[in-house]
Amino acid sequence: MFNRIQVALDGSRFAEQSLPVAESLAKAFEATLDLVSVHEPVVGVEMEGWDQSAASWTEEYICRVSKEVADRSGLHVESKMLFGTPVRALLDHAGYTGADLIIAATHGRGVLSRAWLGSVADGLLRHSERPIMLLHPEEPNGDGEVESMDPRGWKRILVPLDGTEFSCGIIETALPLARKFGAALELVRVVPFPMEVASPYLPTTVQMNQQVLSAAKEAAASWLEEKVAFVESRGVEAHAVVKVASQPASAICARAEEADVDLIVMATHGRKGLSRAFLGSTADKVIRSTSIPLLTHRPPVFD
């Protein structure tokens, strides 16, 4: 599934918390790790040599971290300092090298006070056609330690679906991970509250809405069971869950916490040409509302 994994770093310990996940995935899939950082030239800085010093620091940093990762993991690790606007530079580099996964923290605070990983993660989520794994760094405890995330412990993966066959393409992204780590997939469909079909002052309105909602839940459950059967035919355990909510993202996050899932895998875009449609806006809200790792992808068409 993954042959080349690109990891975005900004010089901070926060961003480096993505490295254990990247290393575990690279080992599991026998992939090359490509560690990159972006030097964005600062316009209008008058201090002589400042920009050159910043570029030199970035290059030294990314080379040093790459050597450390290679030495401790035994993986094939490459490194590159990129120039330009971070999102564009990262996506262009991934396209040039053929990376099939980009991993980034959702924020970072480098020594140069350029906290670009937050905006970069947002830009990747919106514009990448490659799978993006977004991780929330943890604050260190009193001893300066953080709990390391390890994919080998992933046992439950939540996969939100919106009722379209298009959204089911994301199942193909989740299946290899489930197989590799022995995880079960939980397929979730959120049914929205029905619109008022009559005046709220009429006594029949509540009954009519309940009937509409009941029918929608039954249809969603039936549809999900078909997808569960498909997943199980591919040798992976799966479960179907129907939730009712006015806000899909809130329901997805609540279910993820309730079920203690380890990873959320979801589509980032709606049908071609509707990049900010239901799936995209929901993914946006989910990544902003949960600390659970999120793998997003514009999915292939489900067959």
Protein backbone atom coordinates (compact mmCIF):
# COMPACT_ATOMS: atom_id res chain seq x y z
CA MET A 1 0.00 0.00 0.00
CA PHE A 2 2.70 2.49 1.03
CA ASN A 3 6.06 2.44 -0.73
CA ARG A 4 7.25 5.93 0.07
CA ILE A 5 6.17 7.93 3.14
CA GLN A 6 6.86 11.66 3.28
CA VAL A 7 7.05 13.27 6.73
CA ALA A 8 6.78 17.04 7.16
CA LEU A 9 8.95 18.50 9.94
CA ASP A 10 9.40 22.09 11.09
CA GLY A 11 12.23 21.77 13.59
CA SER A 12 10.01 21.29 16.63
CA ARG A 13 9.66 18.42 19.08
CA PHE A 14 5.93 18.64 18.48
CA ALA A 15 6.31 17.77 14.81
CA GLU A 16 8.86 15.04 15.56
CA GLN A 17 6.17 13.15 17.48
CA SER A 18 5.00 11.97 14.06
CA LEU A 19 8.25 10.06 13.55
CA PRO A 20 7.41 6.91 15.60
CA VAL A 21 4.18 6.49 13.60
CA ALA A 22 6.03 7.01 10.34
CA GLU A 23 8.74 4.54 11.32
CA SER A 24 6.23 1.84 12.32
CA LEU A 25 4.29 2.27 9.09
CA ALA A 26 7.48 2.21 7.02
CA LYS A 27 8.58 -1.02 8.71
CA ALA A 28 5.17 -2.63 8.30
CA PHE A 29 4.96 -1.80 4.60
CA GLU A 30 8.71 -1.94 3.87
CA ALA A 31 8.58 1.66 2.70
CA THR A 32 11.16 4.39 2.26
CA LEU A 33 10.93 7.33 4.65
CA ASP A 34 11.40 10.78 3.15
CA LEU A 35 11.86 13.47 5.80
CA VAL A 36 11.36 17.00 4.53
CA SER A 37 11.29 20.52 5.86
CA VAL A 38 10.47 23.72 4.01
CA HIS A 39 12.46 26.92 4.07
CA GLU A 40 10.14 29.78 3.22
CA PRO A 41 12.17 32.88 2.36
CA VAL A 42 11.24 35.83 4.54
CA VAL A 43 10.43 38.94 2.56
CA GLY A 44 11.36 42.31 4.00
CA VAL A 45 13.86 41.12 6.61
CA GLU A 46 16.71 43.64 6.63
CA MET A 47 19.09 41.80 8.95
CA GLU A 48 21.98 40.77 6.73
CA GLY A 49 22.47 37.02 6.47
CA TRP A 50 19.36 36.15 8.51
CA ASP A 51 17.60 34.25 5.72
CA GLN A 52 20.77 32.40 4.76
CA SER A 53 21.34 31.38 8.39
CA ALA A 54 17.78 30.13 8.66
CA ALA A 55 18.16 28.04 5.50
CA SER A 56 21.44 26.57 6.76
CA TRP A 57 19.86 25.68 10.10
CA THR A 58 16.93 23.96 8.35
CA GLU A 59 19.23 21.92 6.12
CA GLU A 60 21.44 20.85 9.01
CA TYR A 61 18.39 19.97 11.07
CA ILE A 62 16.71 17.74 8.49
CA CYS A 63 19.98 15.91 7.72
CA ARG A 64 20.64 15.29 11.42
CA VAL A 65 17.15 13.97 12.14
CA SER A 66 17.25 11.71 9.08
CA LYS A 67 20.51 10.15 10.26
CA GLU A 68 19.10 9.63 13.75
CA VAL A 69 15.98 7.91 12.36
CA ALA A 70 18.00 5.71 10.00
CA ASP A 71 20.41 4.68 12.77
CA ARG A 72 17.71 3.69 15.24
CA SER A 73 15.24 2.11 12.80
CA GLY A 74 17.39 0.50 10.14
CA LEU A 75 15.04 1.95 7.52
CA HIS A 76 16.02 3.51 4.24
CA VAL A 77 15.67 7.22 5.02
CA GLU A 78 16.07 10.15 2.67
CA SER A 79 15.91 13.85 3.46
CA LYS A 80 15.33 17.07 1.60
CA MET A 81 15.11 20.76 2.39
CA LEU A 82 12.48 22.37 0.19
CA PHE A 83 12.05 26.02 -0.73
CA GLY A 84 8.89 28.03 -1.18
CA THR A 85 5.38 28.05 0.20
CA PRO A 86 5.09 24.99 2.49
CA VAL A 87 1.87 23.41 1.14
CA ARG A 88 2.86 23.81 -2.50
CA ALA A 89 6.43 22.68 -1.85
CA LEU A 90 5.31 19.56 0.03
CA LEU A 91 2.74 18.56 -2.60
CA ASP A 92 5.12 19.20 -5.49
CA HIS A 93 7.85 17.15 -3.80
CA ALA A 94 5.43 14.29 -3.11
CA GLY A 95 4.42 14.31 -6.75
CA TYR A 96 8.03 14.35 -7.93
CA THR A 97 9.14 11.48 -5.67
CA GLY A 98 5.92 9.44 -5.95
CA ALA A 99 5.14 9.50 -2.23
CA ASP A 100 1.93 7.61 -1.53
CA LEU A 101 1.43 8.94 2.02
CA ILE A 102 2.18 12.31 3.63
CA ILE A 103 2.35 12.51 7.43
CA ALA A 104 2.14 15.83 9.26
CA ALA A 105 1.46 17.11 12.73
CA THR A 106 -1.45 19.49 13.04
CA HIS A 107 0.73 22.20 14.52
CA GLY A 108 4.33 22.85 15.40
CA ARG A 109 6.55 25.49 16.94
CA GLY A 110 9.99 25.60 15.42
CA VAL A 111 13.00 27.46 16.83
CA LEU A 112 12.42 30.18 14.26
CA SER A 113 8.90 30.75 15.64
CA ARG A 114 7.35 29.81 12.29
CA ALA A 115 4.35 27.81 13.46
CA TRP A 116 3.49 26.69 9.96
CA LEU A 117 2.42 23.09 10.48
CA GLY A 118 -1.08 24.09 11.56
CA SER A 119 -1.81 25.98 8.36
CA VAL A 120 0.13 23.40 6.35
CA ALA A 121 -2.02 20.55 7.68
CA ASP A 122 -5.11 22.52 6.74
CA GLY A 123 -3.76 23.16 3.25
CA LEU A 124 -2.83 19.52 2.73
CA LEU A 125 -6.29 18.44 3.84
CA ARG A 126 -7.87 20.76 1.28
CA HIS A 127 -5.60 20.28 -1.71
CA SER A 128 -3.87 16.90 -1.67
CA GLU A 129 -5.03 14.04 -3.84
CA ARG A 130 -2.65 11.75 -1.95
CA PRO A 131 -3.45 10.14 1.41
CA ILE A 132 -2.68 12.49 4.30
CA MET A 133 -2.21 11.32 7.89
CA LEU A 134 -2.66 14.10 10.41
CA LEU A 135 -1.47 13.62 13.98
CA HIS A 136 -2.08 15.74 17.07
CA PRO A 137 1.16 16.16 19.06
CA GLU A 138 0.88 15.76 22.82
CA GLU A 139 2.14 18.19 25.42
CA PRO A 140 5.04 16.67 27.43
CA ASN A 141 4.33 15.60 30.99
CA GLY A 142 6.15 16.85 34.07
CA ASP A 143 9.19 14.75 33.19
CA GLY A 144 9.33 16.17 29.70
CA GLU A 145 8.11 12.89 28.19
CA VAL A 146 5.24 12.26 25.78
CA GLU A 147 3.34 9.07 25.11
CA SER A 148 4.50 7.70 21.77
CA MET A 149 1.87 6.75 19.21
CA ASP A 150 2.41 3.30 17.71
CA PRO A 151 0.32 1.89 14.83
CA ARG A 152 1.09 -1.63 16.03
CA GLY A 153 -1.46 -0.94 18.77
CA TRP A 154 -4.22 0.12 16.39
CA LYS A 155 -7.07 -2.35 16.83
CA ARG A 156 -10.17 -0.36 15.89
CA ILE A 157 -10.44 1.92 12.84
CA LEU A 158 -13.48 4.12 12.33
CA VAL A 159 -14.58 4.72 8.73
CA PRO A 160 -17.34 7.35 8.27
CA LEU A 161 -19.49 6.90 5.16
CA ASP A 162 -22.13 9.25 3.78
CA GLY A 163 -24.41 6.82 1.97
CA THR A 164 -22.87 7.28 -1.48
CA GLU A 165 -20.90 4.65 -3.35
CA PHE A 166 -18.24 7.33 -3.88
CA SER A 167 -17.57 7.57 -0.16
CA CYS A 168 -17.12 3.79 0.03
CA GLY A 169 -13.91 4.09 -1.96
CA ILE A 170 -12.20 5.06 1.29
CA ILE A 171 -12.71 1.48 2.47
CA GLU A 172 -9.93 0.48 0.08
CA THR A 173 -7.60 2.84 1.94
CA ALA A 174 -8.53 1.41 5.33
CA LEU A 175 -8.38 -2.30 4.44
CA PRO A 176 -4.57 -2.70 4.10
CA LEU A 177 -4.03 -0.97 7.45
CA ALA A 178 -6.62 -3.19 9.13
CA ARG A 179 -4.99 -6.32 7.71
CA LYS A 180 -1.47 -5.23 8.59
CA PHE A 181 -2.26 -4.43 12.24
CA GLY A 182 -5.11 -6.90 12.87
CA ALA A 183 -7.64 -4.11 13.35
CA ALA A 184 -11.42 -4.16 12.92
CA LEU A 185 -13.24 -1.57 10.83
CA GLU A 186 -16.23 0.26 12.25
CA LEU A 187 -18.34 1.66 9.42
CA VAL A 188 -20.36 4.65 10.59
CA ARG A 189 -23.25 6.36 8.82
CA VAL A 190 -24.77 9.52 10.27
CA VAL A 191 -28.47 10.03 9.59
CA PRO A 192 -29.51 13.69 9.86
CA PHE A 193 -32.58 14.76 11.75
CA PRO A 194 -35.49 15.03 9.29
CA MET A 195 -36.62 18.41 8.07
CA GLU A 196 -40.02 19.53 9.23
CA VAL A 197 -42.48 18.02 6.74
CA ALA A 198 -45.42 19.98 8.11
CA SER A 199 -46.14 22.86 10.42
CA PRO A 200 -44.65 22.20 13.87
CA TYR A 201 -47.97 23.31 15.31
CA LEU A 202 -49.82 20.38 13.79
CA PRO A 203 -50.15 17.33 16.06
CA THR A 204 -49.15 15.00 13.21
CA THR A 205 -45.75 16.62 12.66
CA VAL A 206 -43.90 14.74 15.42
CA GLN A 207 -45.31 11.40 14.29
CA MET A 208 -44.45 12.10 10.65
CA ASN A 209 -40.88 13.07 11.54
CA GLN A 210 -40.47 9.94 13.64
CA GLN A 211 -41.63 7.83 10.72
CA VAL A 212 -39.24 9.57 8.35
CA LEU A 213 -36.35 9.13 10.79
CA SER A 214 -37.16 5.47 11.45
CA ALA A 215 -37.24 4.72 7.72
CA ALA A 216 -33.94 6.56 7.19
CA LYS A 217 -32.25 4.63 9.99
CA GLU A 218 -33.46 1.29 8.61
CA ALA A 219 -32.24 2.18 5.13
CA ALA A 220 -28.86 3.30 6.47
CA ALA A 221 -28.46 0.11 8.52
CA SER A 222 -29.31 -2.06 5.53
CA TRP A 223 -26.87 -0.16 3.31
CA LEU A 224 -24.10 -0.43 5.90
CA GLU A 225 -24.59 -4.16 6.31
CA GLU A 226 -23.84 -4.58 2.61
CA LYS A 227 -20.53 -2.78 3.15
CA VAL A 228 -19.78 -4.86 6.23
CA ALA A 229 -20.28 -8.01 4.14
CA PHE A 230 -17.87 -6.62 1.54
CA VAL A 231 -15.18 -5.87 4.15
CA GLU A 232 -15.55 -9.29 5.76
CA SER A 233 -15.26 -10.91 2.33
CA ARG A 234 -11.82 -9.29 2.20
CA GLY A 235 -10.80 -10.98 5.43
CA VAL A 236 -11.26 -8.07 7.84
CA GLU A 237 -13.62 -7.86 10.82
CA ALA A 238 -16.21 -5.09 10.46
CA HIS A 239 -19.13 -3.57 12.34
CA ALA A 240 -21.92 -1.18 11.31
CA VAL A 241 -23.07 1.76 13.41
CA VAL A 242 -25.86 4.22 12.57
CA LYS A 243 -25.94 7.52 14.42
CA VAL A 244 -28.58 10.26 14.33
CA ALA A 245 -27.33 13.84 14.57
CA SER A 246 -27.74 17.28 13.11
CA GLN A 247 -23.96 17.69 12.82
CA PRO A 248 -22.18 14.71 11.19
CA ALA A 249 -18.71 15.73 12.40
CA SER A 250 -19.82 15.94 16.03
CA ALA A 251 -21.45 12.51 15.79
CA ILE A 252 -18.31 11.02 14.23
CA CYS A 253 -16.06 12.44 16.94
CA ALA A 254 -18.43 11.34 19.70
CA ARG A 255 -18.56 7.80 18.33
CA ALA A 256 -14.77 7.70 17.97
CA GLU A 257 -14.35 8.58 21.63
CA GLU A 258 -17.14 6.26 22.74
CA ALA A 259 -15.71 3.28 20.85
CA ASP A 260 -12.12 4.14 21.80
CA VAL A 261 -10.96 3.95 18.19
CA ASP A 262 -7.29 4.31 17.30
CA LEU A 263 -7.58 5.83 13.85
CA ILE A 264 -10.22 7.57 11.73
CA VAL A 265 -10.05 6.99 7.98
CA MET A 266 -12.30 9.20 5.89
CA ALA A 267 -12.73 10.83 2.52
CA THR A 268 -11.85 14.50 2.25
CA HIS A 269 -13.82 15.47 -0.84
CA GLY A 270 -17.22 14.97 -2.38
CA ARG A 271 -17.73 14.09 -6.03
CA LYS A 272 -15.35 15.54 -8.58
CA GLY A 273 -15.78 19.26 -8.90
CA LEU A 274 -17.30 19.64 -5.42
CA SER A 275 -14.12 19.81 -3.36
CA ARG A 276 -15.81 21.61 -0.48
CA ALA A 277 -18.91 19.43 -0.43
CA PHE A 278 -20.18 17.30 2.48
CA LEU A 279 -17.16 15.04 2.84
CA GLY A 280 -14.61 17.84 2.73
CA SER A 281 -16.31 20.08 5.27
CA THR A 282 -16.97 17.15 7.60
CA ALA A 283 -13.31 16.07 7.48
CA ASP A 284 -12.31 19.65 8.28
CA LYS A 285 -14.48 19.70 11.38
CA VAL A 286 -13.39 16.23 12.53
CA ILE A 287 -9.67 17.02 12.43
CA ARG A 288 -10.30 20.21 14.42
CA SER A 289 -12.39 18.40 17.04
CA THR A 290 -10.55 15.20 17.86
CA SER A 291 -7.07 14.21 19.02
CA ILE A 292 -7.36 10.80 17.32
CA PRO A 293 -5.05 10.26 14.31
CA LEU A 294 -6.86 10.92 11.04
CA LEU A 295 -6.04 9.45 7.64
CA THR A 296 -7.75 11.29 4.80
CA HIS A 297 -7.87 10.57 1.10
CA ARG A 298 -9.80 11.44 -2.01
CA PRO A 299 -11.03 7.87 -2.52
CA PRO A 300 -11.14 5.81 -5.69
CA VAL A 301 -14.57 4.74 -6.93
CA PHE A 302 -15.93 1.82 -4.92
CA ASP A 303 -16.72 -1.30 -6.95
